[in-house]
Amino acid sequence: MLKFIKGNLENIEGVEVYPIISLLIFFIFFTALFWWVFTTKKTHIEAVSNIPLEDDTIILKEVTS
């Protein structure tokens, strides 16, 4: 199976740039996420973490016809 994929990829010009671009996107995303986690204010994290515990639920009335 790998022979078929490798054979097709060898015939495409410039295909070697795609793994480099993928690695850069992966690295930049996780670097930005890491930076965001350590620079976010603790008050914001506490407010967001308490959202599921708040009792502001909307009760939908059943409509019977």
Protein backbone atom coordinates (compact mmCIF):
# COMPACT_ATOMS: atom_id res chain seq x y z
CA MET A 1 0.00 0.00 0.00
CA LEU A 2 2.80 2.41 0.86
CA LYS A 3 4.42 1.73 -2.53
CA PHE A 4 1.35 3.08 -4.33
CA ILE A 5 1.28 6.26 -2.24
CA LYS A 6 5.02 6.82 -2.41
CA GLY A 7 5.06 6.23 -6.16
CA ASN A 8 2.32 8.80 -6.75
CA LEU A 9 3.91 11.38 -4.47
CA GLU A 10 7.27 11.09 -6.22
CA ASN A 11 5.66 12.26 -9.46
CA ILE A 12 4.23 15.50 -8.01
CA GLU A 13 6.46 18.57 -8.20
CA GLY A 14 6.79 20.59 -5.00
CA VAL A 15 5.11 17.98 -2.82
CA GLU A 16 7.88 18.23 -0.22
CA VAL A 17 6.61 21.65 0.88
CA TYR A 18 3.29 20.32 2.24
CA PRO A 19 4.72 18.44 5.24
CA ILE A 20 6.76 21.53 6.13
CA ILE A 21 3.66 23.75 5.97
CA SER A 22 1.71 21.23 8.07
CA LEU A 23 4.43 21.16 10.70
CA LEU A 24 4.56 24.96 10.82
CA ILE A 25 0.77 25.23 11.23
CA PHE A 26 0.85 22.62 13.99
CA PHE A 27 3.76 24.33 15.79
CA ILE A 28 2.29 27.85 15.49
CA PHE A 29 -1.14 26.72 16.72
CA PHE A 30 0.17 24.98 19.83
CA THR A 31 2.66 27.75 20.56
CA ALA A 32 -0.16 30.31 20.40
CA LEU A 33 -2.37 28.10 22.57
CA PHE A 34 0.43 27.68 25.10
CA TRP A 35 0.98 31.46 25.15
CA TRP A 36 -2.77 32.11 25.59
CA VAL A 37 -3.04 29.67 28.51
CA PHE A 38 -0.23 31.34 30.44
CA THR A 39 -1.27 34.94 29.73
CA THR A 40 -5.01 34.61 30.40
CA LYS A 41 -6.22 36.24 33.59
CA LYS A 42 -7.28 33.91 36.37
CA THR A 43 -10.57 35.79 36.80
CA HIS A 44 -11.54 34.98 33.22
CA ILE A 45 -10.69 31.30 33.68
CA GLU A 46 -12.72 31.14 36.90
CA ALA A 47 -15.70 32.87 35.25
CA VAL A 48 -15.65 30.51 32.28
CA SER A 49 -15.20 27.43 34.46
CA ASN A 50 -18.29 28.33 36.51
CA ILE A 51 -20.60 28.63 33.49
CA PRO A 52 -21.81 24.99 33.68
CA LEU A 53 -22.59 25.39 37.38
CA GLU A 54 -24.79 28.47 37.05
CA ASP A 55 -28.52 27.94 37.47
CA ASP A 56 -29.66 30.16 34.60
CA THR A 57 -31.26 27.36 32.65
CA ILE A 58 -34.05 28.03 30.23
CA ILE A 59 -37.07 25.84 30.72
CA LEU A 60 -38.92 25.25 27.48
CA LYS A 61 -42.65 24.76 27.73
CA GLU A 62 -44.09 21.87 25.85
CA VAL A 63 -46.59 22.86 23.22
CA THR A 64 -49.34 20.30 22.87
CA SER A 65 -51.71 20.47 19.98
